[in-house]
Amino acid sequence: CSQSKEIHLEGIDFHGSSHKPEVEL
């Protein structure tokens, strides 16, 4: 939708430390 070559997208979560290993993959 932005037709961008470059974007910056941040995802945050209160319990992110428990999700981070699978999200990193």
PDBML (XML) file of the C-alpha atoms, coordinates in Angstrom:
<?xml version="1.0" encoding="UTF-8" ?>
<PDBx:datablock datablockName="MODEL"
   xmlns:PDBx="http://pdbml.pdb.org/schema/pdbx-v50.xsd"
   xmlns:xsi="http://www.w3.org/2001/XMLSchema-instance"
   xsi:schemaLocation="http://pdbml.pdb.org/schema/pdbx-v50.xsd pdbx-v50.xsd">
   <PDBx:atom_siteCategory>
      <PDBx:atom_site id="1">
         <PDBx:B_iso_or_equiv>0.00</PDBx:B_iso_or_equiv>
         <PDBx:Cartn_x>0.000</PDBx:Cartn_x>
         <PDBx:Cartn_y>0.000</PDBx:Cartn_y>
         <PDBx:Cartn_z>0.000</PDBx:Cartn_z>
         <PDBx:auth_asym_id>A</PDBx:auth_asym_id>
         <PDBx:auth_atom_id>CA</PDBx:auth_atom_id>
         <PDBx:auth_comp_id>CYS</PDBx:auth_comp_id>
         <PDBx:auth_seq_id>1</PDBx:auth_seq_id>
         <PDBx:group_PDB>ATOM</PDBx:group_PDB>
         <PDBx:label_alt_id xsi:nil="true" />
         <PDBx:label_asym_id>A</PDBx:label_asym_id>
         <PDBx:label_atom_id>CA</PDBx:label_atom_id>
         <PDBx:label_comp_id>CYS</PDBx:label_comp_id>
         <PDBx:label_entity_id>1</PDBx:label_entity_id>
         <PDBx:label_seq_id>1</PDBx:label_seq_id>
         <PDBx:occupancy>1.00</PDBx:occupancy>
         <PDBx:pdbx_PDB_model_num>1</PDBx:pdbx_PDB_model_num>
         <PDBx:type_symbol>C</PDBx:type_symbol>
      </PDBx:atom_site>
      <PDBx:atom_site id="2">
         <PDBx:B_iso_or_equiv>0.00</PDBx:B_iso_or_equiv>
         <PDBx:Cartn_x>2.868</PDBx:Cartn_x>
         <PDBx:Cartn_y>2.386</PDBx:Cartn_y>
         <PDBx:Cartn_z>0.628</PDBx:Cartn_z>
         <PDBx:auth_asym_id>A</PDBx:auth_asym_id>
         <PDBx:auth_atom_id>CA</PDBx:auth_atom_id>
         <PDBx:auth_comp_id>SER</PDBx:auth_comp_id>
         <PDBx:auth_seq_id>2</PDBx:auth_seq_id>
         <PDBx:group_PDB>ATOM</PDBx:group_PDB>
         <PDBx:label_alt_id xsi:nil="true" />
         <PDBx:label_asym_id>A</PDBx:label_asym_id>
         <PDBx:label_atom_id>CA</PDBx:label_atom_id>
         <PDBx:label_comp_id>SER</PDBx:label_comp_id>
         <PDBx:label_entity_id>1</PDBx:label_entity_id>
         <PDBx:label_seq_id>2</PDBx:label_seq_id>
         <PDBx:occupancy>1.00</PDBx:occupancy>
         <PDBx:pdbx_PDB_model_num>1</PDBx:pdbx_PDB_model_num>
         <PDBx:type_symbol>C</PDBx:type_symbol>
      </PDBx:atom_site>
      <PDBx:atom_site id="3">
         <PDBx:B_iso_or_equiv>0.00</PDBx:B_iso_or_equiv>
         <PDBx:Cartn_x>4.841</PDBx:Cartn_x>
         <PDBx:Cartn_y>1.176</PDBx:Cartn_y>
         <PDBx:Cartn_z>-2.410</PDBx:Cartn_z>
         <PDBx:auth_asym_id>A</PDBx:auth_asym_id>
         <PDBx:auth_atom_id>CA</PDBx:auth_atom_id>
         <PDBx:auth_comp_id>GLN</PDBx:auth_comp_id>
         <PDBx:auth_seq_id>3</PDBx:auth_seq_id>
         <PDBx:group_PDB>ATOM</PDBx:group_PDB>
         <PDBx:label_alt_id xsi:nil="true" />
         <PDBx:label_asym_id>A</PDBx:label_asym_id>
         <PDBx:label_atom_id>CA</PDBx:label_atom_id>
         <PDBx:label_comp_id>GLN</PDBx:label_comp_id>
         <PDBx:label_entity_id>1</PDBx:label_entity_id>
         <PDBx:label_seq_id>3</PDBx:label_seq_id>
         <PDBx:occupancy>1.00</PDBx:occupancy>
         <PDBx:pdbx_PDB_model_num>1</PDBx:pdbx_PDB_model_num>
         <PDBx:type_symbol>C</PDBx:type_symbol>
      </PDBx:atom_site>
      <PDBx:atom_site id="4">
         <PDBx:B_iso_or_equiv>0.00</PDBx:B_iso_or_equiv>
         <PDBx:Cartn_x>7.891</PDBx:Cartn_x>
         <PDBx:Cartn_y>1.519</PDBx:Cartn_y>
         <PDBx:Cartn_z>-0.186</PDBx:Cartn_z>
         <PDBx:auth_asym_id>A</PDBx:auth_asym_id>
         <PDBx:auth_atom_id>CA</PDBx:auth_atom_id>
         <PDBx:auth_comp_id>SER</PDBx:auth_comp_id>
         <PDBx:auth_seq_id>4</PDBx:auth_seq_id>
         <PDBx:group_PDB>ATOM</PDBx:group_PDB>
         <PDBx:label_alt_id xsi:nil="true" />
         <PDBx:label_asym_id>A</PDBx:label_asym_id>
         <PDBx:label_atom_id>CA</PDBx:label_atom_id>
         <PDBx:label_comp_id>SER</PDBx:label_comp_id>
         <PDBx:label_entity_id>1</PDBx:label_entity_id>
         <PDBx:label_seq_id>4</PDBx:label_seq_id>
         <PDBx:occupancy>1.00</PDBx:occupancy>
         <PDBx:pdbx_PDB_model_num>1</PDBx:pdbx_PDB_model_num>
         <PDBx:type_symbol>C</PDBx:type_symbol>
      </PDBx:atom_site>
      <PDBx:atom_site id="5">
         <PDBx:B_iso_or_equiv>0.00</PDBx:B_iso_or_equiv>
         <PDBx:Cartn_x>11.325</PDBx:Cartn_x>
         <PDBx:Cartn_y>0.098</PDBx:Cartn_y>
         <PDBx:Cartn_z>-0.708</PDBx:Cartn_z>
         <PDBx:auth_asym_id>A</PDBx:auth_asym_id>
         <PDBx:auth_atom_id>CA</PDBx:auth_atom_id>
         <PDBx:auth_comp_id>LYS</PDBx:auth_comp_id>
         <PDBx:auth_seq_id>5</PDBx:auth_seq_id>
         <PDBx:group_PDB>ATOM</PDBx:group_PDB>
         <PDBx:label_alt_id xsi:nil="true" />
         <PDBx:label_asym_id>A</PDBx:label_asym_id>
         <PDBx:label_atom_id>CA</PDBx:label_atom_id>
         <PDBx:label_comp_id>LYS</PDBx:label_comp_id>
         <PDBx:label_entity_id>1</PDBx:label_entity_id>
         <PDBx:label_seq_id>5</PDBx:label_seq_id>
         <PDBx:occupancy>1.00</PDBx:occupancy>
         <PDBx:pdbx_PDB_model_num>1</PDBx:pdbx_PDB_model_num>
         <PDBx:type_symbol>C</PDBx:type_symbol>
      </PDBx:atom_site>
      <PDBx:atom_site id="6">
         <PDBx:B_iso_or_equiv>0.00</PDBx:B_iso_or_equiv>
         <PDBx:Cartn_x>11.977</PDBx:Cartn_x>
         <PDBx:Cartn_y>0.713</PDBx:Cartn_y>
         <PDBx:Cartn_z>2.962</PDBx:Cartn_z>
         <PDBx:auth_asym_id>A</PDBx:auth_asym_id>
         <PDBx:auth_atom_id>CA</PDBx:auth_atom_id>
         <PDBx:auth_comp_id>GLU</PDBx:auth_comp_id>
         <PDBx:auth_seq_id>6</PDBx:auth_seq_id>
         <PDBx:group_PDB>ATOM</PDBx:group_PDB>
         <PDBx:label_alt_id xsi:nil="true" />
         <PDBx:label_asym_id>A</PDBx:label_asym_id>
         <PDBx:label_atom_id>CA</PDBx:label_atom_id>
         <PDBx:label_comp_id>GLU</PDBx:label_comp_id>
         <PDBx:label_entity_id>1</PDBx:label_entity_id>
         <PDBx:label_seq_id>6</PDBx:label_seq_id>
         <PDBx:occupancy>1.00</PDBx:occupancy>
         <PDBx:pdbx_PDB_model_num>1</PDBx:pdbx_PDB_model_num>
         <PDBx:type_symbol>C</PDBx:type_symbol>
      </PDBx:atom_site>
      <PDBx:atom_site id="7">
         <PDBx:B_iso_or_equiv>0.00</PDBx:B_iso_or_equiv>
         <PDBx:Cartn_x>9.667</PDBx:Cartn_x>
         <PDBx:Cartn_y>0.636</PDBx:Cartn_y>
         <PDBx:Cartn_z>5.975</PDBx:Cartn_z>
         <PDBx:auth_asym_id>A</PDBx:auth_asym_id>
         <PDBx:auth_atom_id>CA</PDBx:auth_atom_id>
         <PDBx:auth_comp_id>ILE</PDBx:auth_comp_id>
         <PDBx:auth_seq_id>7</PDBx:auth_seq_id>
         <PDBx:group_PDB>ATOM</PDBx:group_PDB>
         <PDBx:label_alt_id xsi:nil="true" />
         <PDBx:label_asym_id>A</PDBx:label_asym_id>
         <PDBx:label_atom_id>CA</PDBx:label_atom_id>
         <PDBx:label_comp_id>ILE</PDBx:label_comp_id>
         <PDBx:label_entity_id>1</PDBx:label_entity_id>
         <PDBx:label_seq_id>7</PDBx:label_seq_id>
         <PDBx:occupancy>1.00</PDBx:occupancy>
         <PDBx:pdbx_PDB_model_num>1</PDBx:pdbx_PDB_model_num>
         <PDBx:type_symbol>C</PDBx:type_symbol>
      </PDBx:atom_site>
      <PDBx:atom_site id="8">
         <PDBx:B_iso_or_equiv>0.00</PDBx:B_iso_or_equiv>
         <PDBx:Cartn_x>10.122</PDBx:Cartn_x>
         <PDBx:Cartn_y>0.657</PDBx:Cartn_y>
         <PDBx:Cartn_z>9.734</PDBx:Cartn_z>
         <PDBx:auth_asym_id>A</PDBx:auth_asym_id>
         <PDBx:auth_atom_id>CA</PDBx:auth_atom_id>
         <PDBx:auth_comp_id>HIS</PDBx:auth_comp_id>
         <PDBx:auth_seq_id>8</PDBx:auth_seq_id>
         <PDBx:group_PDB>ATOM</PDBx:group_PDB>
         <PDBx:label_alt_id xsi:nil="true" />
         <PDBx:label_asym_id>A</PDBx:label_asym_id>
         <PDBx:label_atom_id>CA</PDBx:label_atom_id>
         <PDBx:label_comp_id>HIS</PDBx:label_comp_id>
         <PDBx:label_entity_id>1</PDBx:label_entity_id>
         <PDBx:label_seq_id>8</PDBx:label_seq_id>
         <PDBx:occupancy>1.00</PDBx:occupancy>
         <PDBx:pdbx_PDB_model_num>1</PDBx:pdbx_PDB_model_num>
         <PDBx:type_symbol>C</PDBx:type_symbol>
      </PDBx:atom_site>
      <PDBx:atom_site id="9">
         <PDBx:B_iso_or_equiv>0.00</PDBx:B_iso_or_equiv>
         <PDBx:Cartn_x>7.611</PDBx:Cartn_x>
         <PDBx:Cartn_y>-1.506</PDBx:Cartn_y>
         <PDBx:Cartn_z>11.560</PDBx:Cartn_z>
         <PDBx:auth_asym_id>A</PDBx:auth_asym_id>
         <PDBx:auth_atom_id>CA</PDBx:auth_atom_id>
         <PDBx:auth_comp_id>LEU</PDBx:auth_comp_id>
         <PDBx:auth_seq_id>9</PDBx:auth_seq_id>
         <PDBx:group_PDB>ATOM</PDBx:group_PDB>
         <PDBx:label_alt_id xsi:nil="true" />
         <PDBx:label_asym_id>A</PDBx:label_asym_id>
         <PDBx:label_atom_id>CA</PDBx:label_atom_id>
         <PDBx:label_comp_id>LEU</PDBx:label_comp_id>
         <PDBx:label_entity_id>1</PDBx:label_entity_id>
         <PDBx:label_seq_id>9</PDBx:label_seq_id>
         <PDBx:occupancy>1.00</PDBx:occupancy>
         <PDBx:pdbx_PDB_model_num>1</PDBx:pdbx_PDB_model_num>
         <PDBx:type_symbol>C</PDBx:type_symbol>
      </PDBx:atom_site>
      <PDBx:atom_site id="10">
         <PDBx:B_iso_or_equiv>0.00</PDBx:B_iso_or_equiv>
         <PDBx:Cartn_x>7.835</PDBx:Cartn_x>
         <PDBx:Cartn_y>-2.056</PDBx:Cartn_y>
         <PDBx:Cartn_z>15.317</PDBx:Cartn_z>
         <PDBx:auth_asym_id>A</PDBx:auth_asym_id>
         <PDBx:auth_atom_id>CA</PDBx:auth_atom_id>
         <PDBx:auth_comp_id>GLU</PDBx:auth_comp_id>
         <PDBx:auth_seq_id>10</PDBx:auth_seq_id>
         <PDBx:group_PDB>ATOM</PDBx:group_PDB>
         <PDBx:label_alt_id xsi:nil="true" />
         <PDBx:label_asym_id>A</PDBx:label_asym_id>
         <PDBx:label_atom_id>CA</PDBx:label_atom_id>
         <PDBx:label_comp_id>GLU</PDBx:label_comp_id>
         <PDBx:label_entity_id>1</PDBx:label_entity_id>
         <PDBx:label_seq_id>10</PDBx:label_seq_id>
         <PDBx:occupancy>1.00</PDBx:occupancy>
         <PDBx:pdbx_PDB_model_num>1</PDBx:pdbx_PDB_model_num>
         <PDBx:type_symbol>C</PDBx:type_symbol>
      </PDBx:atom_site>
      <PDBx:atom_site id="11">
         <PDBx:B_iso_or_equiv>0.00</PDBx:B_iso_or_equiv>
         <PDBx:Cartn_x>5.831</PDBx:Cartn_x>
         <PDBx:Cartn_y>-4.678</PDBx:Cartn_y>
         <PDBx:Cartn_z>17.160</PDBx:Cartn_z>
         <PDBx:auth_asym_id>A</PDBx:auth_asym_id>
         <PDBx:auth_atom_id>CA</PDBx:auth_atom_id>
         <PDBx:auth_comp_id>GLY</PDBx:auth_comp_id>
         <PDBx:auth_seq_id>11</PDBx:auth_seq_id>
         <PDBx:group_PDB>ATOM</PDBx:group_PDB>
         <PDBx:label_alt_id xsi:nil="true" />
         <PDBx:label_asym_id>A</PDBx:label_asym_id>
         <PDBx:label_atom_id>CA</PDBx:label_atom_id>
         <PDBx:label_comp_id>GLY</PDBx:label_comp_id>
         <PDBx:label_entity_id>1</PDBx:label_entity_id>
         <PDBx:label_seq_id>11</PDBx:label_seq_id>
         <PDBx:occupancy>1.00</PDBx:occupancy>
         <PDBx:pdbx_PDB_model_num>1</PDBx:pdbx_PDB_model_num>
         <PDBx:type_symbol>C</PDBx:type_symbol>
      </PDBx:atom_site>
      <PDBx:atom_site id="12">
         <PDBx:B_iso_or_equiv>0.00</PDBx:B_iso_or_equiv>
         <PDBx:Cartn_x>5.542</PDBx:Cartn_x>
         <PDBx:Cartn_y>-4.441</PDBx:Cartn_y>
         <PDBx:Cartn_z>20.935</PDBx:Cartn_z>
         <PDBx:auth_asym_id>A</PDBx:auth_asym_id>
         <PDBx:auth_atom_id>CA</PDBx:auth_atom_id>
         <PDBx:auth_comp_id>ILE</PDBx:auth_comp_id>
         <PDBx:auth_seq_id>12</PDBx:auth_seq_id>
         <PDBx:group_PDB>ATOM</PDBx:group_PDB>
         <PDBx:label_alt_id xsi:nil="true" />
         <PDBx:label_asym_id>A</PDBx:label_asym_id>
         <PDBx:label_atom_id>CA</PDBx:label_atom_id>
         <PDBx:label_comp_id>ILE</PDBx:label_comp_id>
         <PDBx:label_entity_id>1</PDBx:label_entity_id>
         <PDBx:label_seq_id>12</PDBx:label_seq_id>
         <PDBx:occupancy>1.00</PDBx:occupancy>
         <PDBx:pdbx_PDB_model_num>1</PDBx:pdbx_PDB_model_num>
         <PDBx:type_symbol>C</PDBx:type_symbol>
      </PDBx:atom_site>
      <PDBx:atom_site id="13">
         <PDBx:B_iso_or_equiv>0.00</PDBx:B_iso_or_equiv>
         <PDBx:Cartn_x>3.857</PDBx:Cartn_x>
         <PDBx:Cartn_y>-6.570</PDBx:Cartn_y>
         <PDBx:Cartn_z>23.573</PDBx:Cartn_z>
         <PDBx:auth_asym_id>A</PDBx:auth_asym_id>
         <PDBx:auth_atom_id>CA</PDBx:auth_atom_id>
         <PDBx:auth_comp_id>ASP</PDBx:auth_comp_id>
         <PDBx:auth_seq_id>13</PDBx:auth_seq_id>
         <PDBx:group_PDB>ATOM</PDBx:group_PDB>
         <PDBx:label_alt_id xsi:nil="true" />
         <PDBx:label_asym_id>A</PDBx:label_asym_id>
         <PDBx:label_atom_id>CA</PDBx:label_atom_id>
         <PDBx:label_comp_id>ASP</PDBx:label_comp_id>
         <PDBx:label_entity_id>1</PDBx:label_entity_id>
         <PDBx:label_seq_id>13</PDBx:label_seq_id>
         <PDBx:occupancy>1.00</PDBx:occupancy>
         <PDBx:pdbx_PDB_model_num>1</PDBx:pdbx_PDB_model_num>
         <PDBx:type_symbol>C</PDBx:type_symbol>
      </PDBx:atom_site>
      <PDBx:atom_site id="14">
         <PDBx:B_iso_or_equiv>0.00</PDBx:B_iso_or_equiv>
         <PDBx:Cartn_x>3.663</PDBx:Cartn_x>
         <PDBx:Cartn_y>-6.473</PDBx:Cartn_y>
         <PDBx:Cartn_z>27.366</PDBx:Cartn_z>
         <PDBx:auth_asym_id>A</PDBx:auth_asym_id>
         <PDBx:auth_atom_id>CA</PDBx:auth_atom_id>
         <PDBx:auth_comp_id>PHE</PDBx:auth_comp_id>
         <PDBx:auth_seq_id>14</PDBx:auth_seq_id>
         <PDBx:group_PDB>ATOM</PDBx:group_PDB>
         <PDBx:label_alt_id xsi:nil="true" />
         <PDBx:label_asym_id>A</PDBx:label_asym_id>
         <PDBx:label_atom_id>CA</PDBx:label_atom_id>
         <PDBx:label_comp_id>PHE</PDBx:label_comp_id>
         <PDBx:label_entity_id>1</PDBx:label_entity_id>
         <PDBx:label_seq_id>14</PDBx:label_seq_id>
         <PDBx:occupancy>1.00</PDBx:occupancy>
         <PDBx:pdbx_PDB_model_num>1</PDBx:pdbx_PDB_model_num>
         <PDBx:type_symbol>C</PDBx:type_symbol>
      </PDBx:atom_site>
      <PDBx:atom_site id="15">
         <PDBx:B_iso_or_equiv>0.00</PDBx:B_iso_or_equiv>
         <PDBx:Cartn_x>4.638</PDBx:Cartn_x>
         <PDBx:Cartn_y>-10.168</PDBx:Cartn_y>
         <PDBx:Cartn_z>27.439</PDBx:Cartn_z>
         <PDBx:auth_asym_id>A</PDBx:auth_asym_id>
         <PDBx:auth_atom_id>CA</PDBx:auth_atom_id>
         <PDBx:auth_comp_id>HIS</PDBx:auth_comp_id>
         <PDBx:auth_seq_id>15</PDBx:auth_seq_id>
         <PDBx:group_PDB>ATOM</PDBx:group_PDB>
         <PDBx:label_alt_id xsi:nil="true" />
         <PDBx:label_asym_id>A</PDBx:label_asym_id>
         <PDBx:label_atom_id>CA</PDBx:label_atom_id>
         <PDBx:label_comp_id>HIS</PDBx:label_comp_id>
         <PDBx:label_entity_id>1</PDBx:label_entity_id>
         <PDBx:label_seq_id>15</PDBx:label_seq_id>
         <PDBx:occupancy>1.00</PDBx:occupancy>
         <PDBx:pdbx_PDB_model_num>1</PDBx:pdbx_PDB_model_num>
         <PDBx:type_symbol>C</PDBx:type_symbol>
      </PDBx:atom_site>
      <PDBx:atom_site id="16">
         <PDBx:B_iso_or_equiv>0.00</PDBx:B_iso_or_equiv>
         <PDBx:Cartn_x>7.016</PDBx:Cartn_x>
         <PDBx:Cartn_y>-9.848</PDBx:Cartn_y>
         <PDBx:Cartn_z>24.506</PDBx:Cartn_z>
         <PDBx:auth_asym_id>A</PDBx:auth_asym_id>
         <PDBx:auth_atom_id>CA</PDBx:auth_atom_id>
         <PDBx:auth_comp_id>GLY</PDBx:auth_comp_id>
         <PDBx:auth_seq_id>16</PDBx:auth_seq_id>
         <PDBx:group_PDB>ATOM</PDBx:group_PDB>
         <PDBx:label_alt_id xsi:nil="true" />
         <PDBx:label_asym_id>A</PDBx:label_asym_id>
         <PDBx:label_atom_id>CA</PDBx:label_atom_id>
         <PDBx:label_comp_id>GLY</PDBx:label_comp_id>
         <PDBx:label_entity_id>1</PDBx:label_entity_id>
         <PDBx:label_seq_id>16</PDBx:label_seq_id>
         <PDBx:occupancy>1.00</PDBx:occupancy>
         <PDBx:pdbx_PDB_model_num>1</PDBx:pdbx_PDB_model_num>
         <PDBx:type_symbol>C</PDBx:type_symbol>
      </PDBx:atom_site>
      <PDBx:atom_site id="17">
         <PDBx:B_iso_or_equiv>0.00</PDBx:B_iso_or_equiv>
         <PDBx:Cartn_x>9.931</PDBx:Cartn_x>
         <PDBx:Cartn_y>-11.525</PDBx:Cartn_y>
         <PDBx:Cartn_z>26.253</PDBx:Cartn_z>
         <PDBx:auth_asym_id>A</PDBx:auth_asym_id>
         <PDBx:auth_atom_id>CA</PDBx:auth_atom_id>
         <PDBx:auth_comp_id>SER</PDBx:auth_comp_id>
         <PDBx:auth_seq_id>17</PDBx:auth_seq_id>
         <PDBx:group_PDB>ATOM</PDBx:group_PDB>
         <PDBx:label_alt_id xsi:nil="true" />
         <PDBx:label_asym_id>A</PDBx:label_asym_id>
         <PDBx:label_atom_id>CA</PDBx:label_atom_id>
         <PDBx:label_comp_id>SER</PDBx:label_comp_id>
         <PDBx:label_entity_id>1</PDBx:label_entity_id>
         <PDBx:label_seq_id>17</PDBx:label_seq_id>
         <PDBx:occupancy>1.00</PDBx:occupancy>
         <PDBx:pdbx_PDB_model_num>1</PDBx:pdbx_PDB_model_num>
         <PDBx:type_symbol>C</PDBx:type_symbol>
      </PDBx:atom_site>
      <PDBx:atom_site id="18">
         <PDBx:B_iso_or_equiv>0.00</PDBx:B_iso_or_equiv>
         <PDBx:Cartn_x>8.072</PDBx:Cartn_x>
         <PDBx:Cartn_y>-14.849</PDBx:Cartn_y>
         <PDBx:Cartn_z>26.233</PDBx:Cartn_z>
         <PDBx:auth_asym_id>A</PDBx:auth_asym_id>
         <PDBx:auth_atom_id>CA</PDBx:auth_atom_id>
         <PDBx:auth_comp_id>SER</PDBx:auth_comp_id>
         <PDBx:auth_seq_id>18</PDBx:auth_seq_id>
         <PDBx:group_PDB>ATOM</PDBx:group_PDB>
         <PDBx:label_alt_id xsi:nil="true" />
         <PDBx:label_asym_id>A</PDBx:label_asym_id>
         <PDBx:label_atom_id>CA</PDBx:label_atom_id>
         <PDBx:label_comp_id>SER</PDBx:label_comp_id>
         <PDBx:label_entity_id>1</PDBx:label_entity_id>
         <PDBx:label_seq_id>18</PDBx:label_seq_id>
         <PDBx:occupancy>1.00</PDBx:occupancy>
         <PDBx:pdbx_PDB_model_num>1</PDBx:pdbx_PDB_model_num>
         <PDBx:type_symbol>C</PDBx:type_symbol>
      </PDBx:atom_site>
      <PDBx:atom_site id="19">
         <PDBx:B_iso_or_equiv>0.00</PDBx:B_iso_or_equiv>
         <PDBx:Cartn_x>7.149</PDBx:Cartn_x>
         <PDBx:Cartn_y>-14.508</PDBx:Cartn_y>
         <PDBx:Cartn_z>22.550</PDBx:Cartn_z>
         <PDBx:auth_asym_id>A</PDBx:auth_asym_id>
         <PDBx:auth_atom_id>CA</PDBx:auth_atom_id>
         <PDBx:auth_comp_id>HIS</PDBx:auth_comp_id>
         <PDBx:auth_seq_id>19</PDBx:auth_seq_id>
         <PDBx:group_PDB>ATOM</PDBx:group_PDB>
         <PDBx:label_alt_id xsi:nil="true" />
         <PDBx:label_asym_id>A</PDBx:label_asym_id>
         <PDBx:label_atom_id>CA</PDBx:label_atom_id>
         <PDBx:label_comp_id>HIS</PDBx:label_comp_id>
         <PDBx:label_entity_id>1</PDBx:label_entity_id>
         <PDBx:label_seq_id>19</PDBx:label_seq_id>
         <PDBx:occupancy>1.00</PDBx:occupancy>
         <PDBx:pdbx_PDB_model_num>1</PDBx:pdbx_PDB_model_num>
         <PDBx:type_symbol>C</PDBx:type_symbol>
      </PDBx:atom_site>
      <PDBx:atom_site id="20">
         <PDBx:B_iso_or_equiv>0.00</PDBx:B_iso_or_equiv>
         <PDBx:Cartn_x>10.414</PDBx:Cartn_x>
         <PDBx:Cartn_y>-13.123</PDBx:Cartn_y>
         <PDBx:Cartn_z>21.245</PDBx:Cartn_z>
         <PDBx:auth_asym_id>A</PDBx:auth_asym_id>
         <PDBx:auth_atom_id>CA</PDBx:auth_atom_id>
         <PDBx:auth_comp_id>LYS</PDBx:auth_comp_id>
         <PDBx:auth_seq_id>20</PDBx:auth_seq_id>
         <PDBx:group_PDB>ATOM</PDBx:group_PDB>
         <PDBx:label_alt_id xsi:nil="true" />
         <PDBx:label_asym_id>A</PDBx:label_asym_id>
         <PDBx:label_atom_id>CA</PDBx:label_atom_id>
         <PDBx:label_comp_id>LYS</PDBx:label_comp_id>
         <PDBx:label_entity_id>1</PDBx:label_entity_id>
         <PDBx:label_seq_id>20</PDBx:label_seq_id>
         <PDBx:occupancy>1.00</PDBx:occupancy>
         <PDBx:pdbx_PDB_model_num>1</PDBx:pdbx_PDB_model_num>
         <PDBx:type_symbol>C</PDBx:type_symbol>
      </PDBx:atom_site>
      <PDBx:atom_site id="21">
         <PDBx:B_iso_or_equiv>0.00</PDBx:B_iso_or_equiv>
         <PDBx:Cartn_x>12.198</PDBx:Cartn_x>
         <PDBx:Cartn_y>-16.406</PDBx:Cartn_y>
         <PDBx:Cartn_z>20.336</PDBx:Cartn_z>
         <PDBx:auth_asym_id>A</PDBx:auth_asym_id>
         <PDBx:auth_atom_id>CA</PDBx:auth_atom_id>
         <PDBx:auth_comp_id>PRO</PDBx:auth_comp_id>
         <PDBx:auth_seq_id>21</PDBx:auth_seq_id>
         <PDBx:group_PDB>ATOM</PDBx:group_PDB>
         <PDBx:label_alt_id xsi:nil="true" />
         <PDBx:label_asym_id>A</PDBx:label_asym_id>
         <PDBx:label_atom_id>CA</PDBx:label_atom_id>
         <PDBx:label_comp_id>PRO</PDBx:label_comp_id>
         <PDBx:label_entity_id>1</PDBx:label_entity_id>
         <PDBx:label_seq_id>21</PDBx:label_seq_id>
         <PDBx:occupancy>1.00</PDBx:occupancy>
         <PDBx:pdbx_PDB_model_num>1</PDBx:pdbx_PDB_model_num>
         <PDBx:type_symbol>C</PDBx:type_symbol>
      </PDBx:atom_site>
      <PDBx:atom_site id="22">
         <PDBx:B_iso_or_equiv>0.00</PDBx:B_iso_or_equiv>
         <PDBx:Cartn_x>9.419</PDBx:Cartn_x>
         <PDBx:Cartn_y>-17.527</PDBx:Cartn_y>
         <PDBx:Cartn_z>17.963</PDBx:Cartn_z>
         <PDBx:auth_asym_id>A</PDBx:auth_asym_id>
         <PDBx:auth_atom_id>CA</PDBx:auth_atom_id>
         <PDBx:auth_comp_id>GLU</PDBx:auth_comp_id>
         <PDBx:auth_seq_id>22</PDBx:auth_seq_id>
         <PDBx:group_PDB>ATOM</PDBx:group_PDB>
         <PDBx:label_alt_id xsi:nil="true" />
         <PDBx:label_asym_id>A</PDBx:label_asym_id>
         <PDBx:label_atom_id>CA</PDBx:label_atom_id>
         <PDBx:label_comp_id>GLU</PDBx:label_comp_id>
         <PDBx:label_entity_id>1</PDBx:label_entity_id>
         <PDBx:label_seq_id>22</PDBx:label_seq_id>
         <PDBx:occupancy>1.00</PDBx:occupancy>
         <PDBx:pdbx_PDB_model_num>1</PDBx:pdbx_PDB_model_num>
         <PDBx:type_symbol>C</PDBx:type_symbol>
      </PDBx:atom_site>
      <PDBx:atom_site id="23">
         <PDBx:B_iso_or_equiv>0.00</PDBx:B_iso_or_equiv>
         <PDBx:Cartn_x>8.827</PDBx:Cartn_x>
         <PDBx:Cartn_y>-14.004</PDBx:Cartn_y>
         <PDBx:Cartn_z>16.659</PDBx:Cartn_z>
         <PDBx:auth_asym_id>A</PDBx:auth_asym_id>
         <PDBx:auth_atom_id>CA</PDBx:auth_atom_id>
         <PDBx:auth_comp_id>VAL</PDBx:auth_comp_id>
         <PDBx:auth_seq_id>23</PDBx:auth_seq_id>
         <PDBx:group_PDB>ATOM</PDBx:group_PDB>
         <PDBx:label_alt_id xsi:nil="true" />
         <PDBx:label_asym_id>A</PDBx:label_asym_id>
         <PDBx:label_atom_id>CA</PDBx:label_atom_id>
         <PDBx:label_comp_id>VAL</PDBx:label_comp_id>
         <PDBx:label_entity_id>1</PDBx:label_entity_id>
         <PDBx:label_seq_id>23</PDBx:label_seq_id>
         <PDBx:occupancy>1.00</PDBx:occupancy>
         <PDBx:pdbx_PDB_model_num>1</PDBx:pdbx_PDB_model_num>
         <PDBx:type_symbol>C</PDBx:type_symbol>
      </PDBx:atom_site>
      <PDBx:atom_site id="24">
         <PDBx:B_iso_or_equiv>0.00</PDBx:B_iso_or_equiv>
         <PDBx:Cartn_x>12.517</PDBx:Cartn_x>
         <PDBx:Cartn_y>-13.603</PDBx:Cartn_y>
         <PDBx:Cartn_z>15.819</PDBx:Cartn_z>
         <PDBx:auth_asym_id>A</PDBx:auth_asym_id>
         <PDBx:auth_atom_id>CA</PDBx:auth_atom_id>
         <PDBx:auth_comp_id>GLU</PDBx:auth_comp_id>
         <PDBx:auth_seq_id>24</PDBx:auth_seq_id>
         <PDBx:group_PDB>ATOM</PDBx:group_PDB>
         <PDBx:label_alt_id xsi:nil="true" />
         <PDBx:label_asym_id>A</PDBx:label_asym_id>
         <PDBx:label_atom_id>CA</PDBx:label_atom_id>
         <PDBx:label_comp_id>GLU</PDBx:label_comp_id>
         <PDBx:label_entity_id>1</PDBx:label_entity_id>
         <PDBx:label_seq_id>24</PDBx:label_seq_id>
         <PDBx:occupancy>1.00</PDBx:occupancy>
         <PDBx:pdbx_PDB_model_num>1</PDBx:pdbx_PDB_model_num>
         <PDBx:type_symbol>C</PDBx:type_symbol>
      </PDBx:atom_site>
      <PDBx:atom_site id="25">
         <PDBx:B_iso_or_equiv>0.00</PDBx:B_iso_or_equiv>
         <PDBx:Cartn_x>12.260</PDBx:Cartn_x>
         <PDBx:Cartn_y>-16.673</PDBx:Cartn_y>
         <PDBx:Cartn_z>13.580</PDBx:Cartn_z>
         <PDBx:auth_asym_id>A</PDBx:auth_asym_id>
         <PDBx:auth_atom_id>CA</PDBx:auth_atom_id>
         <PDBx:auth_comp_id>LEU</PDBx:auth_comp_id>
         <PDBx:auth_seq_id>25</PDBx:auth_seq_id>
         <PDBx:group_PDB>ATOM</PDBx:group_PDB>
         <PDBx:label_alt_id xsi:nil="true" />
         <PDBx:label_asym_id>A</PDBx:label_asym_id>
         <PDBx:label_atom_id>CA</PDBx:label_atom_id>
         <PDBx:label_comp_id>LEU</PDBx:label_comp_id>
         <PDBx:label_entity_id>1</PDBx:label_entity_id>
         <PDBx:label_seq_id>25</PDBx:label_seq_id>
         <PDBx:occupancy>1.00</PDBx:occupancy>
         <PDBx:pdbx_PDB_model_num>1</PDBx:pdbx_PDB_model_num>
         <PDBx:type_symbol>C</PDBx:type_symbol>
      </PDBx:atom_site>
   </PDBx:atom_siteCategory>
</PDBx:datablock>
